[in-house]
Amino acid sequence: MRQTCINCQHADYRTAAAEGMPKFSKCRRARNETEVAKFYGRDVECDNGAFAAANAVIVDKRLEWLSR
């Protein structure tokens, strides 16, 4: 499994959508203000060392939501 946002339990797609950026995510484990302000695409590789695999059900729901 690639360590990308779509596969990470720390990716927060709801907050990003609420802030006007649907189909992107925010990282709940952002290390600084710059990372907190960033929106991440689903295929962005984790570079902060906080990747934690989300379970398959969550990943499937995200993929379904992103395909709408």
N, C-alpha and C. Protein backbone atom coordinates (compact mmCIF):
# COMPACT_ATOMS: atom_id res chain seq x y z
N MET A 1 0.84 -1.17 0.00
CA MET A 1 0.00 0.00 0.00
C MET A 1 0.89 1.25 0.00
N ARG A 2 0.59 2.14 -0.90
CA ARG A 2 1.33 3.41 -0.95
C ARG A 2 0.91 4.30 0.20
N GLN A 3 1.84 5.06 0.73
CA GLN A 3 1.56 5.95 1.85
C GLN A 3 1.05 7.29 1.32
N THR A 4 -0.19 7.27 0.83
CA THR A 4 -0.81 8.46 0.28
C THR A 4 -2.01 8.86 1.13
N CYS A 5 -2.49 10.07 0.93
CA CYS A 5 -3.60 10.60 1.72
C CYS A 5 -4.84 9.71 1.66
N ILE A 6 -5.15 9.18 0.50
CA ILE A 6 -6.37 8.38 0.36
C ILE A 6 -6.32 7.15 1.26
N ASN A 7 -5.12 6.66 1.56
CA ASN A 7 -4.95 5.47 2.38
C ASN A 7 -4.64 5.75 3.84
N CYS A 8 -4.63 7.01 4.25
CA CYS A 8 -4.21 7.39 5.60
C CYS A 8 -5.40 7.73 6.50
N GLN A 9 -5.36 7.23 7.72
CA GLN A 9 -6.46 7.52 8.64
C GLN A 9 -6.45 8.97 9.12
N HIS A 10 -5.36 9.69 8.92
CA HIS A 10 -5.27 11.09 9.35
C HIS A 10 -5.80 12.08 8.30
N ALA A 11 -6.14 11.60 7.13
CA ALA A 11 -6.68 12.48 6.08
C ALA A 11 -8.11 12.87 6.44
N ASP A 12 -8.40 14.15 6.38
CA ASP A 12 -9.71 14.67 6.76
C ASP A 12 -10.36 15.34 5.54
N TYR A 13 -11.19 14.59 4.85
CA TYR A 13 -11.83 15.08 3.64
C TYR A 13 -13.03 15.98 3.95
N ARG A 14 -13.68 15.76 5.07
CA ARG A 14 -14.86 16.57 5.42
C ARG A 14 -14.49 18.01 5.72
N THR A 15 -13.41 18.21 6.46
CA THR A 15 -12.99 19.58 6.78
C THR A 15 -12.60 20.32 5.51
N ALA A 16 -11.87 19.66 4.64
CA ALA A 16 -11.46 20.30 3.38
C ALA A 16 -12.69 20.68 2.56
N ALA A 17 -13.68 19.80 2.49
CA ALA A 17 -14.90 20.10 1.74
C ALA A 17 -15.64 21.28 2.37
N ALA A 18 -15.69 21.31 3.69
CA ALA A 18 -16.36 22.41 4.39
C ALA A 18 -15.65 23.74 4.17
N GLU A 19 -14.35 23.68 3.89
CA GLU A 19 -13.58 24.90 3.62
C GLU A 19 -13.54 25.24 2.13
N GLY A 20 -14.38 24.57 1.35
CA GLY A 20 -14.51 24.91 -0.06
C GLY A 20 -13.58 24.16 -1.00
N MET A 21 -12.95 23.08 -0.52
CA MET A 21 -12.03 22.31 -1.35
C MET A 21 -12.45 20.83 -1.36
N PRO A 22 -13.60 20.54 -1.98
CA PRO A 22 -14.01 19.13 -2.05
C PRO A 22 -13.00 18.34 -2.87
N LYS A 23 -12.89 17.07 -2.57
CA LYS A 23 -11.98 16.14 -3.25
C LYS A 23 -10.53 16.32 -2.84
N PHE A 24 -10.29 17.15 -1.84
CA PHE A 24 -8.96 17.30 -1.25
C PHE A 24 -9.09 16.95 0.22
N SER A 25 -7.96 16.83 0.91
CA SER A 25 -8.00 16.54 2.34
C SER A 25 -7.09 17.48 3.12
N LYS A 26 -7.31 17.49 4.42
CA LYS A 26 -6.44 18.18 5.36
C LYS A 26 -5.78 17.09 6.19
N CYS A 27 -4.56 17.33 6.64
CA CYS A 27 -3.86 16.34 7.46
C CYS A 27 -4.08 16.67 8.94
N ARG A 28 -4.63 15.71 9.68
CA ARG A 28 -4.84 15.92 11.11
C ARG A 28 -3.55 15.84 11.90
N ARG A 29 -2.47 15.45 11.28
CA ARG A 29 -1.17 15.35 11.95
C ARG A 29 -0.17 16.36 11.41
N ALA A 30 -0.68 17.47 10.90
CA ALA A 30 0.19 18.53 10.37
C ALA A 30 1.13 19.01 11.47
N ARG A 31 2.39 19.29 11.08
CA ARG A 31 3.42 19.63 12.05
C ARG A 31 3.59 21.12 12.28
N ASN A 32 3.15 21.94 11.35
CA ASN A 32 3.35 23.38 11.48
C ASN A 32 2.22 24.13 10.78
N GLU A 33 2.24 25.45 10.86
CA GLU A 33 1.16 26.26 10.29
C GLU A 33 1.04 26.10 8.78
N THR A 34 2.15 25.93 8.12
CA THR A 34 2.13 25.75 6.66
C THR A 34 1.38 24.48 6.29
N GLU A 35 1.67 23.39 6.98
CA GLU A 35 0.99 22.12 6.70
C GLU A 35 -0.48 22.17 7.11
N VAL A 36 -0.80 22.89 8.16
CA VAL A 36 -2.19 23.03 8.59
C VAL A 36 -3.00 23.75 7.51
N ALA A 37 -2.40 24.72 6.85
CA ALA A 37 -3.10 25.51 5.84
C ALA A 37 -3.21 24.80 4.49
N LYS A 38 -2.44 23.74 4.28
CA LYS A 38 -2.41 23.06 2.99
C LYS A 38 -3.59 22.11 2.78
N PHE A 39 -3.96 21.97 1.51
CA PHE A 39 -4.91 20.95 1.08
C PHE A 39 -4.13 19.93 0.29
N TYR A 40 -4.43 18.66 0.49
CA TYR A 40 -3.69 17.59 -0.15
C TYR A 40 -4.57 16.80 -1.11
N GLY A 41 -4.04 16.49 -2.28
CA GLY A 41 -4.72 15.62 -3.23
C GLY A 41 -4.63 14.18 -2.75
N ARG A 42 -5.43 13.32 -3.30
CA ARG A 42 -5.50 11.95 -2.80
C ARG A 42 -4.24 11.14 -3.03
N ASP A 43 -3.42 11.50 -4.02
CA ASP A 43 -2.23 10.73 -4.34
C ASP A 43 -0.94 11.34 -3.80
N VAL A 44 -1.05 12.27 -2.88
CA VAL A 44 0.14 12.91 -2.30
C VAL A 44 0.80 11.94 -1.32
N GLU A 45 2.09 11.70 -1.50
CA GLU A 45 2.84 10.82 -0.59
C GLU A 45 3.04 11.52 0.74
N CYS A 46 2.91 10.79 1.82
CA CYS A 46 3.11 11.34 3.17
C CYS A 46 4.58 11.68 3.36
N ASP A 47 4.84 12.91 3.77
CA ASP A 47 6.23 13.31 3.99
C ASP A 47 6.48 13.78 5.42
N ASN A 48 5.47 13.62 6.30
CA ASN A 48 5.69 14.06 7.67
C ASN A 48 5.87 12.91 8.65
N GLY A 49 5.89 11.69 8.14
CA GLY A 49 6.15 10.53 8.98
C GLY A 49 4.99 10.10 9.85
N ALA A 50 3.82 10.64 9.63
CA ALA A 50 2.66 10.34 10.47
C ALA A 50 1.68 9.37 9.81
N PHE A 51 2.05 8.79 8.69
CA PHE A 51 1.12 7.91 7.97
C PHE A 51 0.68 6.76 8.87
N ALA A 52 -0.63 6.52 8.89
CA ALA A 52 -1.22 5.37 9.57
C ALA A 52 -2.31 4.84 8.65
N ALA A 53 -2.22 3.60 8.28
CA ALA A 53 -3.14 3.03 7.30
C ALA A 53 -4.58 3.04 7.80
N ALA A 54 -5.46 3.52 6.96
CA ALA A 54 -6.90 3.47 7.24
C ALA A 54 -7.40 2.08 6.84
N ASN A 55 -8.49 1.65 7.46
CA ASN A 55 -8.98 0.32 7.09
C ASN A 55 -9.63 0.38 5.71
N ALA A 56 -9.78 -0.77 5.10
CA ALA A 56 -10.24 -0.88 3.71
C ALA A 56 -11.64 -0.29 3.52
N VAL A 57 -12.51 -0.40 4.51
CA VAL A 57 -13.87 0.13 4.40
C VAL A 57 -13.82 1.66 4.25
N ILE A 58 -13.00 2.31 5.04
CA ILE A 58 -12.87 3.77 4.96
C ILE A 58 -12.31 4.18 3.61
N VAL A 59 -11.29 3.49 3.15
CA VAL A 59 -10.68 3.82 1.85
C VAL A 59 -11.71 3.65 0.74
N ASP A 60 -12.49 2.58 0.78
CA ASP A 60 -13.53 2.35 -0.23
C ASP A 60 -14.59 3.45 -0.21
N LYS A 61 -15.00 3.89 0.99
CA LYS A 61 -15.98 4.97 1.09
C LYS A 61 -15.42 6.27 0.52
N ARG A 62 -14.15 6.54 0.80
CA ARG A 62 -13.52 7.75 0.26
C ARG A 62 -13.48 7.71 -1.26
N LEU A 63 -13.09 6.57 -1.81
CA LEU A 63 -13.01 6.45 -3.26
C LEU A 63 -14.39 6.62 -3.91
N GLU A 64 -15.41 6.05 -3.26
CA GLU A 64 -16.78 6.20 -3.77
C GLU A 64 -17.19 7.68 -3.74
N TRP A 65 -16.93 8.37 -2.64
CA TRP A 65 -17.28 9.78 -2.51
C TRP A 65 -16.51 10.64 -3.53
N LEU A 66 -15.24 10.34 -3.72
CA LEU A 66 -14.43 11.12 -4.66
C LEU A 66 -14.84 10.91 -6.11
N SER A 67 -15.44 9.77 -6.41
CA SER A 67 -15.84 9.50 -7.80
C SER A 67 -17.14 10.19 -8.19
N ARG A 68 -17.86 10.77 -7.22
CA ARG A 68 -19.12 11.48 -7.53
C ARG A 68 -18.87 12.78 -8.22
